[in-house]
């Protein structure tokens, strides 16, 4: 029934549009086709000019009223460079946009159809072709060059003091793993994945004994300390989107990817900056991964080293959860079989 109504509405819309077109045609015949066409061109020219003015005012107003109020400033070292590149790109393309749109709409108004002038046919000019091909090519080459430079910075080697966190995506959740005191991740094998071993850790590898597994809770990072993310996926392609840090990276099954950055603001700092006491750094999936894609959301808490150490001290490794479960303390039963010892003293013979 719903499909029937949709089809009926579409047909009705088509009929209405068709009848309006026919009515306009009949009006043109009655009023004189040439006269009607000139009048329509004149109206369209004024509408285009009004659209240009109101449109530019609207773009400026939206930019000024929303600038920095949705996401705030970048909260990572690389994010600041990304924002700078974005500003430069918007500035260059913005100048081109304003010039071309002003000319487009102004020409539509100024050169509307008139009996006082005749159209000039100007099909080709080699000099103009070279200008509007070479200049954009140079500008784009520079922009792409800066993009590649920072891309290799983001995906290159992290500083020696960087902490590491592994993040794994699956429909539709994020799972985290932190190395223990040995600062080394243990090996994994996907065929080892079970309900009690969700990442497929190989328990025979001693480096796995102190690795911390977490899911359904925020990722914890330390402010002003570099972090290298090791990114994986279990099923389909996902994408780790860190909008507040201006970072993103695909999570590909069977092919780990990496990126690193340094958080420069704590969660508390961002809450003050944005005026939102409930602010959280968000992990979004930026790759369509199924019907639950929009609900695939995680959080990050950026805190001081002291706060991070307190949180980490409360965590238990996945290995200990499975194999070293603490037994409840028991009170020993009293011993009721105590034996008494008698000593017989004999008198000495005289």
C-alpha atoms as a PDB file:
ATOM      1  CA  UNK A   1       0.000   0.000   0.000  1.00  0.00           C
ATOM      2  CA  UNK A   2       2.839   2.381   0.825  1.00  0.00           C
ATOM      3  CA  UNK A   3       4.445   1.728  -2.564  1.00  0.00           C
ATOM      4  CA  UNK A   4       1.132   2.443  -4.279  1.00  0.00           C
ATOM      5  CA  UNK A   5       0.823   5.838  -2.563  1.00  0.00           C
ATOM      6  CA  UNK A   6       4.401   6.765  -3.480  1.00  0.00           C
ATOM      7  CA  UNK A   7       3.804   5.916  -7.141  1.00  0.00           C
ATOM      8  CA  UNK A   8       0.491   7.808  -7.108  1.00  0.00           C
ATOM      9  CA  UNK A   9       2.161  10.913  -5.621  1.00  0.00           C
ATOM     10  CA  UNK A  10       4.919  10.820  -8.253  1.00  0.00           C
ATOM     11  CA  UNK A  11       2.380  10.508 -11.063  1.00  0.00           C
ATOM     12  CA  UNK A  12       0.321  13.343  -9.633  1.00  0.00           C
ATOM     13  CA  UNK A  13       3.435  15.546  -9.424  1.00  0.00           C
ATOM     14  CA  UNK A  14       4.275  14.750 -13.046  1.00  0.00           C
ATOM     15  CA  UNK A  15       0.753  15.640 -14.203  1.00  0.00           C
ATOM     16  CA  UNK A  16       0.796  18.934 -12.302  1.00  0.00           C
ATOM     17  CA  UNK A  17       4.169  19.889 -13.776  1.00  0.00           C
ATOM     18  CA  UNK A  18       2.972  18.949 -17.260  1.00  0.00           C
ATOM     19  CA  UNK A  19      -0.205  21.035 -16.920  1.00  0.00           C
ATOM     20  CA  UNK A  20       1.765  24.066 -15.649  1.00  0.00           C
ATOM     21  CA  UNK A  21       4.097  23.804 -18.656  1.00  0.00           C
ATOM     22  CA  UNK A  22       1.165  23.600 -21.064  1.00  0.00           C
ATOM     23  CA  UNK A  23      -0.547  26.575 -19.394  1.00  0.00           C
ATOM     24  CA  UNK A  24       2.652  28.638 -19.704  1.00  0.00           C
ATOM     25  CA  UNK A  25       2.846  27.712 -23.370  1.00  0.00           C
ATOM     26  CA  UNK A  26      -0.760  28.832 -23.982  1.00  0.00           C
ATOM     27  CA  UNK A  27      -0.121  32.124 -22.138  1.00  0.00           C
ATOM     28  CA  UNK A  28       2.938  32.736 -24.336  1.00  0.00           C
ATOM     29  CA  UNK A  29       0.882  32.219 -27.470  1.00  0.00           C
ATOM     30  CA  UNK A  30      -1.814  34.589 -26.268  1.00  0.00           C
ATOM     31  CA  UNK A  31       0.594  37.315 -25.157  1.00  0.00           C
ATOM     32  CA  UNK A  32       3.026  36.832 -27.969  1.00  0.00           C
ATOM     33  CA  UNK A  33       5.886  34.335 -27.713  1.00  0.00           C
ATOM     34  CA  UNK A  34       8.735  36.800 -28.201  1.00  0.00           C
ATOM     35  CA  UNK A  35       7.339  39.274 -25.715  1.00  0.00           C
ATOM     36  CA  UNK A  36       6.766  36.549 -23.137  1.00  0.00           C
ATOM     37  CA  UNK A  37      10.296  35.221 -23.602  1.00  0.00           C
ATOM     38  CA  UNK A  38      11.858  38.647 -23.051  1.00  0.00           C
ATOM     39  CA  UNK A  39       9.778  39.192 -19.945  1.00  0.00           C
ATOM     40  CA  UNK A  40      10.807  35.796 -18.574  1.00  0.00           C
ATOM     41  CA  UNK A  41      14.490  36.501 -19.267  1.00  0.00           C
ATOM     42  CA  UNK A  42      14.243  39.820 -17.474  1.00  0.00           C
ATOM     43  CA  UNK A  43      12.634  38.230 -14.410  1.00  0.00           C
ATOM     44  CA  UNK A  44      15.254  35.452 -14.357  1.00  0.00           C
ATOM     45  CA  UNK A  45      18.069  37.995 -14.593  1.00  0.00           C
ATOM     46  CA  UNK A  46      16.805  39.896 -11.543  1.00  0.00           C
ATOM     47  CA  UNK A  47      16.292  36.637  -9.632  1.00  0.00           C
ATOM     48  CA  UNK A  48      19.868  35.544 -10.381  1.00  0.00           C
ATOM     49  CA  UNK A  49      21.242  38.873  -9.197  1.00  0.00           C
ATOM     50  CA  UNK A  50      19.197  38.688  -5.991  1.00  0.00           C
ATOM     51  CA  UNK A  51      20.315  35.087  -5.447  1.00  0.00           C
ATOM     52  CA  UNK A  52      23.961  36.142  -5.818  1.00  0.00           C
ATOM     53  CA  UNK A  53      23.693  38.921  -3.236  1.00  0.00           C
ATOM     54  CA  UNK A  54      21.620  36.965  -0.719  1.00  0.00           C
ATOM     55  CA  UNK A  55      23.724  33.840  -1.242  1.00  0.00           C
ATOM     56  CA  UNK A  56      27.026  35.569  -0.522  1.00  0.00           C
ATOM     57  CA  UNK A  57      25.532  37.229   2.574  1.00  0.00           C
ATOM     58  CA  UNK A  58      24.251  33.844   3.743  1.00  0.00           C
ATOM     59  CA  UNK A  59      27.624  32.139   3.236  1.00  0.00           C
ATOM     60  CA  UNK A  60      29.407  34.883   5.202  1.00  0.00           C
ATOM     61  CA  UNK A  61      26.830  34.808   8.012  1.00  0.00           C
ATOM     62  CA  UNK A  62      26.968  31.029   8.416  1.00  0.00           C
ATOM     63  CA  UNK A  63      30.757  31.036   8.423  1.00  0.00           C
ATOM     64  CA  UNK A  64      31.005  33.739  11.081  1.00  0.00           C
ATOM     65  CA  UNK A  65      28.224  32.412  13.311  1.00  0.00           C
ATOM     66  CA  UNK A  66      29.360  28.752  13.295  1.00  0.00           C
ATOM     67  CA  UNK A  67      33.131  29.171  13.045  1.00  0.00           C
ATOM     68  CA  UNK A  68      34.819  27.210  15.844  1.00  0.00           C
ATOM     69  CA  UNK A  69      31.544  26.496  17.668  1.00  0.00           C
ATOM     70  CA  UNK A  70      30.838  22.960  16.460  1.00  0.00           C
ATOM     71  CA  UNK A  71      34.143  21.144  16.916  1.00  0.00           C
ATOM     72  CA  UNK A  72      36.395  23.707  18.542  1.00  0.00           C
ATOM     73  CA  UNK A  73      40.064  23.991  17.699  1.00  0.00           C
ATOM     74  CA  UNK A  74      42.042  20.874  16.819  1.00  0.00           C
ATOM     75  CA  UNK A  75      43.072  18.906  19.906  1.00  0.00           C
ATOM     76  CA  UNK A  76      46.220  17.306  18.447  1.00  0.00           C
ATOM     77  CA  UNK A  77      49.549  18.402  17.008  1.00  0.00           C
ATOM     78  CA  UNK A  78      48.804  17.080  13.517  1.00  0.00           C
ATOM     79  CA  UNK A  79      45.284  18.456  13.678  1.00  0.00           C
ATOM     80  CA  UNK A  80      46.587  22.012  13.748  1.00  0.00           C
ATOM     81  CA  UNK A  81      48.431  21.418  10.467  1.00  0.00           C
ATOM     82  CA  UNK A  82      45.313  19.854   8.950  1.00  0.00           C
ATOM     83  CA  UNK A  83      43.288  22.923   9.934  1.00  0.00           C
ATOM     84  CA  UNK A  84      45.940  25.200   8.417  1.00  0.00           C
ATOM     85  CA  UNK A  85      45.818  23.297   5.120  1.00  0.00           C
ATOM     86  CA  UNK A  86      42.028  23.482   5.177  1.00  0.00           C
ATOM     87  CA  UNK A  87      42.110  27.244   5.756  1.00  0.00           C
ATOM     88  CA  UNK A  88      44.526  27.721   2.849  1.00  0.00           C
ATOM     89  CA  UNK A  89      42.397  25.512   0.589  1.00  0.00           C
ATOM     90  CA  UNK A  90      39.214  27.394   1.505  1.00  0.00           C
ATOM     91  CA  UNK A  91      40.950  30.733   0.950  1.00  0.00           C
ATOM     92  CA  UNK A  92      42.197  29.795  -2.531  1.00  0.00           C
ATOM     93  CA  UNK A  93      38.998  28.114  -3.675  1.00  0.00           C
ATOM     94  CA  UNK A  94      36.936  30.827  -1.981  1.00  0.00           C
ATOM     95  CA  UNK A  95      38.576  33.570  -4.059  1.00  0.00           C
ATOM     96  CA  UNK A  96      37.971  31.573  -7.240  1.00  0.00           C
ATOM     97  CA  UNK A  97      34.392  30.836  -6.177  1.00  0.00           C
ATOM     98  CA  UNK A  98      33.527  34.468  -5.505  1.00  0.00           C
ATOM     99  CA  UNK A  99      35.095  35.737  -8.753  1.00  0.00           C
ATOM    100  CA  UNK A 100      33.456  33.087 -10.959  1.00  0.00           C
ATOM    101  CA  UNK A 101      30.036  33.288  -9.303  1.00  0.00           C
ATOM    102  CA  UNK A 102      29.931  37.076  -9.360  1.00  0.00           C
ATOM    103  CA  UNK A 103      30.814  37.060 -13.061  1.00  0.00           C
ATOM    104  CA  UNK A 104      28.328  34.261 -13.797  1.00  0.00           C
ATOM    105  CA  UNK A 105      25.324  35.895 -12.157  1.00  0.00           C
ATOM    106  CA  UNK A 106      26.275  39.441 -13.178  1.00  0.00           C
ATOM    107  CA  UNK A 107      26.658  38.411 -16.818  1.00  0.00           C
ATOM    108  CA  UNK A 108      23.264  36.717 -16.607  1.00  0.00           C
ATOM    109  CA  UNK A 109      21.772  40.039 -15.529  1.00  0.00           C
ATOM    110  CA  UNK A 110      23.797  42.436 -17.666  1.00  0.00           C
ATOM    111  CA  UNK A 111      23.630  40.493 -20.922  1.00  0.00           C
ATOM    112  CA  UNK A 112      20.008  39.422 -20.883  1.00  0.00           C
ATOM    113  CA  UNK A 113      18.314  39.280 -24.245  1.00  0.00           C
ATOM    114  CA  UNK A 114      17.929  42.696 -25.884  1.00  0.00           C
ATOM    115  CA  UNK A 115      17.126  44.076 -29.327  1.00  0.00           C
ATOM    116  CA  UNK A 116      19.889  46.670 -28.907  1.00  0.00           C
ATOM    117  CA  UNK A 117      22.808  44.235 -29.168  1.00  0.00           C
ATOM    118  CA  UNK A 118      23.774  41.059 -30.954  1.00  0.00           C
ATOM    119  CA  UNK A 119      25.438  37.976 -29.440  1.00  0.00           C
ATOM    120  CA  UNK A 120      29.167  37.649 -30.126  1.00  0.00           C
ATOM    121  CA  UNK A 121      30.445  34.177 -30.950  1.00  0.00           C
ATOM    122  CA  UNK A 122      33.833  33.597 -29.225  1.00  0.00           C
ATOM    123  CA  UNK A 123      34.634  29.866 -29.418  1.00  0.00           C
ATOM    124  CA  UNK A 124      38.322  29.597 -28.527  1.00  0.00           C
ATOM    125  CA  UNK A 125      41.395  31.408 -27.177  1.00  0.00           C
ATOM    126  CA  UNK A 126      44.703  29.622 -26.634  1.00  0.00           C
ATOM    127  CA  UNK A 127      46.018  32.145 -24.113  1.00  0.00           C
ATOM    128  CA  UNK A 128      42.914  31.860 -21.903  1.00  0.00           C
ATOM    129  CA  UNK A 129      43.032  28.057 -22.122  1.00  0.00           C
ATOM    130  CA  UNK A 130      46.642  28.032 -20.914  1.00  0.00           C
ATOM    131  CA  UNK A 131      45.927  30.491 -18.084  1.00  0.00           C
ATOM    132  CA  UNK A 132      42.946  28.663 -16.584  1.00  0.00           C
ATOM    133  CA  UNK A 133      44.676  25.304 -16.961  1.00  0.00           C
ATOM    134  CA  UNK A 134      48.198  26.078 -15.712  1.00  0.00           C
ATOM    135  CA  UNK A 135      47.278  28.254 -12.712  1.00  0.00           C
ATOM    136  CA  UNK A 136      44.844  25.718 -11.151  1.00  0.00           C
ATOM    137  CA  UNK A 137      47.318  22.915 -11.896  1.00  0.00           C
ATOM    138  CA  UNK A 138      50.100  24.723  -9.999  1.00  0.00           C
ATOM    139  CA  UNK A 139      47.811  25.556  -7.070  1.00  0.00           C
ATOM    140  CA  UNK A 140      46.543  21.967  -6.803  1.00  0.00           C
ATOM    141  CA  UNK A 141      50.079  20.585  -7.039  1.00  0.00           C
ATOM    142  CA  UNK A 142      51.164  22.737  -4.090  1.00  0.00           C
ATOM    143  CA  UNK A 143      48.131  21.717  -2.030  1.00  0.00           C
ATOM    144  CA  UNK A 144      48.588  18.020  -2.822  1.00  0.00           C
ATOM    145  CA  UNK A 145      52.299  18.298  -2.010  1.00  0.00           C
ATOM    146  CA  UNK A 146      51.564  19.626   1.486  1.00  0.00           C
ATOM    147  CA  UNK A 147      48.915  16.928   1.928  1.00  0.00           C
ATOM    148  CA  UNK A 148      51.346  14.143   1.048  1.00  0.00           C
ATOM    149  CA  UNK A 149      53.996  15.628   3.342  1.00  0.00           C
ATOM    150  CA  UNK A 150      51.698  15.612   6.388  1.00  0.00           C
ATOM    151  CA  UNK A 151      50.236  12.230   5.426  1.00  0.00           C
ATOM    152  CA  UNK A 152      53.689  10.657   5.672  1.00  0.00           C
ATOM    153  CA  UNK A 153      54.209  12.459   8.991  1.00  0.00           C
ATOM    154  CA  UNK A 154      50.975  11.010  10.367  1.00  0.00           C
ATOM    155  CA  UNK A 155      51.607   7.474   9.109  1.00  0.00           C
ATOM    156  CA  UNK A 156      55.383   7.462   9.651  1.00  0.00           C
ATOM    157  CA  UNK A 157      57.410   6.419  12.669  1.00  0.00           C
ATOM    158  CA  UNK A 158      56.109   7.665  15.994  1.00  0.00           C
ATOM    159  CA  UNK A 159      58.466   9.239  18.562  1.00  0.00           C
ATOM    160  CA  UNK A 160      60.421   6.820  20.737  1.00  0.00           C
ATOM    161  CA  UNK A 161      58.416   7.773  23.851  1.00  0.00           C
ATOM    162  CA  UNK A 162      55.024   7.162  22.223  1.00  0.00           C
ATOM    163  CA  UNK A 163      52.502   4.945  23.956  1.00  0.00           C
ATOM    164  CA  UNK A 164      50.680   2.340  21.858  1.00  0.00           C
ATOM    165  CA  UNK A 165      47.026   1.389  21.744  1.00  0.00           C
ATOM    166  CA  UNK A 166      45.470  -1.211  19.487  1.00  0.00           C
ATOM    167  CA  UNK A 167      41.954  -0.520  18.218  1.00  0.00           C
ATOM    168  CA  UNK A 168      39.914  -3.178  16.423  1.00  0.00           C
ATOM    169  CA  UNK A 169      36.632  -2.545  14.634  1.00  0.00           C
ATOM    170  CA  UNK A 170      33.839  -5.047  14.054  1.00  0.00           C
ATOM    171  CA  UNK A 171      30.131  -4.782  13.388  1.00  0.00           C
ATOM    172  CA  UNK A 172      29.347  -2.630  15.281  1.00  0.00           C
ATOM    173  CA  UNK A 173      31.770  -1.872  18.110  1.00  0.00           C
ATOM    174  CA  UNK A 174      35.346  -0.880  18.934  1.00  0.00           C
ATOM    175  CA  UNK A 175      37.739  -3.006  21.003  1.00  0.00           C
ATOM    176  CA  UNK A 176      40.947  -1.732  22.606  1.00  0.00           C
ATOM    177  CA  UNK A 177      44.159  -3.406  23.756  1.00  0.00           C
ATOM    178  CA  UNK A 178      46.931  -1.792  25.800  1.00  0.00           C
ATOM    179  CA  UNK A 179      50.388  -3.295  26.295  1.00  0.00           C
ATOM    180  CA  UNK A 180      51.320  -4.059  29.887  1.00  0.00           C
ATOM    181  CA  UNK A 181      54.505  -3.245  31.767  1.00  0.00           C
ATOM    182  CA  UNK A 182      56.637  -4.838  29.045  1.00  0.00           C
ATOM    183  CA  UNK A 183      55.329  -2.161  26.573  1.00  0.00           C
ATOM    184  CA  UNK A 184      54.958  -4.899  23.935  1.00  0.00           C
ATOM    185  CA  UNK A 185      51.845  -6.363  22.324  1.00  0.00           C
ATOM    186  CA  UNK A 186      51.577 -10.138  22.314  1.00  0.00           C
ATOM    187  CA  UNK A 187      50.984 -12.031  19.083  1.00  0.00           C
ATOM    188  CA  UNK A 188      47.497 -12.787  17.741  1.00  0.00           C
ATOM    189  CA  UNK A 189      45.982 -15.319  15.364  1.00  0.00           C
ATOM    190  CA  UNK A 190      42.446 -14.956  14.081  1.00  0.00           C
ATOM    191  CA  UNK A 191      41.729 -18.690  14.431  1.00  0.00           C
ATOM    192  CA  UNK A 192      42.292 -18.337  18.175  1.00  0.00           C
ATOM    193  CA  UNK A 193      39.340 -15.926  18.473  1.00  0.00           C
ATOM    194  CA  UNK A 194      36.725 -17.139  20.955  1.00  0.00           C
ATOM    195  CA  UNK A 195      34.212 -15.592  23.317  1.00  0.00           C
ATOM    196  CA  UNK A 196      36.823 -15.496  26.086  1.00  0.00           C
ATOM    197  CA  UNK A 197      39.586 -14.472  23.688  1.00  0.00           C
ATOM    198  CA  UNK A 198      37.909 -11.858  21.435  1.00  0.00           C
ATOM    199  CA  UNK A 199      41.147 -10.687  19.800  1.00  0.00           C
ATOM    200  CA  UNK A 200      42.671 -14.126  19.224  1.00  0.00           C
ATOM    201  CA  UNK A 201      45.663 -13.604  21.517  1.00  0.00           C
ATOM    202  CA  UNK A 202      48.185 -16.446  21.582  1.00  0.00           C
ATOM    203  CA  UNK A 203      48.542 -17.246  25.272  1.00  0.00           C
ATOM    204  CA  UNK A 204      51.777 -19.193  24.738  1.00  0.00           C
ATOM    205  CA  UNK A 205      53.401 -15.841  23.887  1.00  0.00           C
ATOM    206  CA  UNK A 206      54.578 -14.377  27.170  1.00  0.00           C
ATOM    207  CA  UNK A 207      54.080 -10.819  25.909  1.00  0.00           C
ATOM    208  CA  UNK A 208      50.314 -11.442  26.017  1.00  0.00           C
ATOM    209  CA  UNK A 209      50.275 -12.157  29.745  1.00  0.00           C
ATOM    210  CA  UNK A 210      50.009  -8.490  30.760  1.00  0.00           C
ATOM    211  CA  UNK A 211      48.085  -7.023  27.790  1.00  0.00           C
ATOM    212  CA  UNK A 212      44.922  -5.173  28.840  1.00  0.00           C
ATOM    213  CA  UNK A 213      41.743  -5.791  26.814  1.00  0.00           C
ATOM    214  CA  UNK A 214      38.797  -3.391  26.978  1.00  0.00           C
ATOM    215  CA  UNK A 215      35.542  -2.865  25.111  1.00  0.00           C
ATOM    216  CA  UNK A 216      32.353  -0.980  25.871  1.00  0.00           C
ATOM    217  CA  UNK A 217      34.325   1.735  27.655  1.00  0.00           C
ATOM    218  CA  UNK A 218      36.316   4.813  26.524  1.00  0.00           C
ATOM    219  CA  UNK A 219      39.873   4.618  25.258  1.00  0.00           C
ATOM    220  CA  UNK A 220      42.276   6.352  27.652  1.00  0.00           C
ATOM    221  CA  UNK A 221      45.130   8.554  26.404  1.00  0.00           C
ATOM    222  CA  UNK A 222      47.638  10.859  28.076  1.00  0.00           C
ATOM    223  CA  UNK A 223      47.722  14.553  27.223  1.00  0.00           C
ATOM    224  CA  UNK A 224      50.915  15.843  25.525  1.00  0.00           C
ATOM    225  CA  UNK A 225      52.175  12.280  25.073  1.00  0.00           C
ATOM    226  CA  UNK A 226      52.427  10.808  21.542  1.00  0.00           C
ATOM    227  CA  UNK A 227      50.218   7.791  20.884  1.00  0.00           C
ATOM    228  CA  UNK A 228      50.556   5.286  18.062  1.00  0.00           C
ATOM    229  CA  UNK A 229      47.299   3.587  17.082  1.00  0.00           C
ATOM    230  CA  UNK A 230      47.497   0.092  15.602  1.00  0.00           C
ATOM    231  CA  UNK A 231      44.233  -0.329  13.706  1.00  0.00           C
ATOM    232  CA  UNK A 232      42.552  -3.623  12.753  1.00  0.00           C
ATOM    233  CA  UNK A 233      39.184  -4.945  11.592  1.00  0.00           C
ATOM    234  CA  UNK A 234      37.558  -8.334  12.093  1.00  0.00           C
ATOM    235  CA  UNK A 235      34.923  -8.479   9.386  1.00  0.00           C
ATOM    236  CA  UNK A 236      34.514  -5.627   6.867  1.00  0.00           C
ATOM    237  CA  UNK A 237      36.318  -2.353   6.212  1.00  0.00           C
ATOM    238  CA  UNK A 238      35.739   0.223   8.941  1.00  0.00           C
ATOM    239  CA  UNK A 239      37.354   3.614   9.476  1.00  0.00           C
ATOM    240  CA  UNK A 240      38.643   5.148  12.693  1.00  0.00           C
ATOM    241  CA  UNK A 241      37.432   8.741  12.566  1.00  0.00           C
ATOM    242  CA  UNK A 242      38.787  11.096  15.232  1.00  0.00           C
ATOM    243  CA  UNK A 243      37.145  14.356  14.226  1.00  0.00           C
ATOM    244  CA  UNK A 244      38.345  16.408  17.212  1.00  0.00           C
ATOM    245  CA  UNK A 245      41.940  15.376  16.471  1.00  0.00           C
ATOM    246  CA  UNK A 246      41.370  15.818  12.683  1.00  0.00           C
ATOM    247  CA  UNK A 247      42.583  12.241  12.091  1.00  0.00           C
ATOM    248  CA  UNK A 248      41.176   9.219  10.292  1.00  0.00           C
ATOM    249  CA  UNK A 249      42.433   5.874   9.052  1.00  0.00           C
ATOM    250  CA  UNK A 250      40.850   2.818   7.435  1.00  0.00           C
ATOM    251  CA  UNK A 251      40.561  -0.391   9.447  1.00  0.00           C
ATOM    252  CA  UNK A 252      41.118  -3.217   6.961  1.00  0.00           C
ATOM    253  CA  UNK A 253      40.644  -6.936   7.750  1.00  0.00           C
ATOM    254  CA  UNK A 254      43.989  -8.739   7.667  1.00  0.00           C
ATOM    255  CA  UNK A 255      46.009  -5.567   7.016  1.00  0.00           C
ATOM    256  CA  UNK A 256      46.899  -3.557  10.141  1.00  0.00           C
ATOM    257  CA  UNK A 257      47.232   0.198   9.591  1.00  0.00           C
ATOM    258  CA  UNK A 258      48.840   2.774  11.860  1.00  0.00           C
ATOM    259  CA  UNK A 259      48.842   6.468  12.606  1.00  0.00           C
ATOM    260  CA  UNK A 260      50.177   8.570  15.442  1.00  0.00           C
ATOM    261  CA  UNK A 261      49.433  11.941  17.004  1.00  0.00           C
ATOM    262  CA  UNK A 262      49.865  13.837  20.246  1.00  0.00           C
ATOM    263  CA  UNK A 263      46.722  14.927  22.135  1.00  0.00           C
ATOM    264  CA  UNK A 264      47.195  18.528  23.230  1.00  0.00           C
ATOM    265  CA  UNK A 265      44.022  19.021  25.275  1.00  0.00           C
ATOM    266  CA  UNK A 266      42.389  16.961  27.984  1.00  0.00           C
ATOM    267  CA  UNK A 267      38.712  16.098  27.962  1.00  0.00           C
ATOM    268  CA  UNK A 268      38.218  18.635  30.770  1.00  0.00           C
ATOM    269  CA  UNK A 269      39.953  21.340  28.712  1.00  0.00           C
ATOM    270  CA  UNK A 270      37.649  20.708  25.759  1.00  0.00           C
ATOM    271  CA  UNK A 271      34.588  20.757  28.020  1.00  0.00           C
ATOM    272  CA  UNK A 272      35.556  24.264  29.148  1.00  0.00           C
ATOM    273  CA  UNK A 273      36.470  25.402  25.632  1.00  0.00           C
ATOM    274  CA  UNK A 274      33.218  24.222  24.047  1.00  0.00           C
ATOM    275  CA  UNK A 275      31.019  25.129  27.018  1.00  0.00           C
ATOM    276  CA  UNK A 276      29.704  21.551  27.050  1.00  0.00           C
ATOM    277  CA  UNK A 277      30.160  19.837  30.440  1.00  0.00           C
ATOM    278  CA  UNK A 278      29.327  16.475  28.848  1.00  0.00           C
ATOM    279  CA  UNK A 279      31.943  16.787  26.099  1.00  0.00           C
ATOM    280  CA  UNK A 280      33.690  13.617  24.933  1.00  0.00           C
ATOM    281  CA  UNK A 281      36.228  12.925  22.208  1.00  0.00           C
ATOM    282  CA  UNK A 282      34.393  10.753  19.706  1.00  0.00           C
ATOM    283  CA  UNK A 283      35.485   7.725  17.695  1.00  0.00           C
ATOM    284  CA  UNK A 284      33.228   7.391  14.669  1.00  0.00           C
ATOM    285  CA  UNK A 285      33.222   4.840  11.896  1.00  0.00           C
ATOM    286  CA  UNK A 286      33.734   6.891   8.731  1.00  0.00           C
ATOM    287  CA  UNK A 287      33.220   3.956   6.354  1.00  0.00           C
ATOM    288  CA  UNK A 288      29.759   2.542   5.612  1.00  0.00           C
ATOM    289  CA  UNK A 289      29.961  -0.910   7.205  1.00  0.00           C
ATOM    290  CA  UNK A 290      26.385  -2.178   7.482  1.00  0.00           C
ATOM    291  CA  UNK A 291      22.957  -1.371   8.865  1.00  0.00           C
ATOM    292  CA  UNK A 292      24.335  -0.566  12.329  1.00  0.00           C
ATOM    293  CA  UNK A 293      26.988   1.793  10.975  1.00  0.00           C
ATOM    294  CA  UNK A 294      25.534   4.946  12.526  1.00  0.00           C
ATOM    295  CA  UNK A 295      25.608   3.361  15.997  1.00  0.00           C
ATOM    296  CA  UNK A 296      29.275   2.358  15.780  1.00  0.00           C
ATOM    297  CA  UNK A 297      30.555   4.984  18.160  1.00  0.00           C
ATOM    298  CA  UNK A 298      33.346   5.056  20.710  1.00  0.00           C
ATOM    299  CA  UNK A 299      34.787   7.578  23.113  1.00  0.00           C
ATOM    300  CA  UNK A 300      38.236   8.740  24.191  1.00  0.00           C
ATOM    301  CA  UNK A 301      39.232  10.207  27.536  1.00  0.00           C
ATOM    302  CA  UNK A 302      42.381  12.349  27.442  1.00  0.00           C
ATOM    303  CA  UNK A 303      43.802  12.858  30.913  1.00  0.00           C
ATOM    304  CA  UNK A 304      46.998  13.577  32.810  1.00  0.00           C
ATOM    305  CA  UNK A 305      49.683  10.938  33.294  1.00  0.00           C
ATOM    306  CA  UNK A 306      48.742  10.623  36.979  1.00  0.00           C
ATOM    307  CA  UNK A 307      45.064  10.041  36.155  1.00  0.00           C
ATOM    308  CA  UNK A 308      46.017   7.512  33.496  1.00  0.00           C
ATOM    309  CA  UNK A 309      48.270   5.608  35.906  1.00  0.00           C
ATOM    310  CA  UNK A 310      45.487   5.411  38.486  1.00  0.00           C
ATOM    311  CA  UNK A 311      43.078   4.074  35.856  1.00  0.00           C
ATOM    312  CA  UNK A 312      45.606   1.556  34.505  1.00  0.00           C
ATOM    313  CA  UNK A 313      46.407   0.291  38.015  1.00  0.00           C
ATOM    314  CA  UNK A 314      42.798  -0.865  38.350  1.00  0.00           C
ATOM    315  CA  UNK A 315      42.859  -2.898  35.121  1.00  0.00           C
ATOM    316  CA  UNK A 316      43.426  -6.640  34.975  1.00  0.00           C
ATOM    317  CA  UNK A 317      44.971  -8.380  31.998  1.00  0.00           C
ATOM    318  CA  UNK A 318      42.810 -10.681  29.901  1.00  0.00           C
ATOM    319  CA  UNK A 319      45.175 -13.535  30.700  1.00  0.00           C
ATOM    320  CA  UNK A 320      44.724 -13.074  34.442  1.00  0.00           C
ATOM    321  CA  UNK A 321      40.956 -12.871  34.017  1.00  0.00           C
ATOM    322  CA  UNK A 322      40.972 -16.275  32.330  1.00  0.00           C
ATOM    323  CA  UNK A 323      43.759 -18.216  34.003  1.00  0.00           C
ATOM    324  CA  UNK A 324      44.683 -16.526  37.269  1.00  0.00           C
ATOM    325  CA  UNK A 325      41.301 -15.919  38.810  1.00  0.00           C
ATOM    326  CA  UNK A 326      41.612 -15.105  42.474  1.00  0.00           C
ATOM    327  CA  UNK A 327      40.112 -17.770  44.730  1.00  0.00           C
ATOM    328  CA  UNK A 328      37.883 -16.524  47.550  1.00  0.00           C
ATOM    329  CA  UNK A 329      39.615 -16.467  50.909  1.00  0.00           C
ATOM    330  CA  UNK A 330      38.462 -19.228  53.329  1.00  0.00           C
ATOM    331  CA  UNK A 331      38.812 -19.515  57.114  1.00  0.00           C
ATOM    332  CA  UNK A 332      40.593 -22.730  58.172  1.00  0.00           C
ATOM    333  CA  UNK A 333      38.456 -25.122  60.212  1.00  0.00           C
ATOM    334  CA  UNK A 334      39.472 -25.686  63.826  1.00  0.00           C
ATOM    335  CA  UNK A 335      41.534 -28.820  64.500  1.00  0.00           C
ATOM    336  CA  UNK A 336      39.511 -31.152  66.800  1.00  0.00           C
ATOM    337  CA  UNK A 337      41.963 -34.044  66.744  1.00  0.00           C
ATOM    338  CA  UNK A 338      44.622 -32.665  69.036  1.00  0.00           C
ATOM    339  CA  UNK A 339      46.562 -35.429  70.764  1.00  0.00           C
ATOM    340  CA  UNK A 340      47.619 -35.160  74.402  1.00  0.00           C
ATOM    341  CA  UNK A 341      50.997 -36.416  75.500  1.00  0.00           C
ATOM    342  CA  UNK A 342      51.577 -37.663  79.049  1.00  0.00           C
ATOM    343  CA  UNK A 343      54.990 -37.871  80.559  1.00  0.00           C
ATOM    344  CA  UNK A 344      55.645 -40.434  83.360  1.00  0.00           C
ATOM    345  CA  UNK A 345      58.269 -39.486  85.896  1.00  0.00           C
ATOM    346  CA  UNK A 346      59.954 -42.419  87.648  1.00  0.00           C
ATOM    347  CA  UNK A 347      61.454 -42.101  91.061  1.00  0.00           C
ATOM    348  CA  UNK A 348      65.185 -42.781  91.252  1.00  0.00           C
ATOM    349  CA  UNK A 349      66.288 -45.935  93.207  1.00  0.00           C
ATOM    350  CA  UNK A 350      68.190 -45.425  96.343  1.00  0.00           C
END
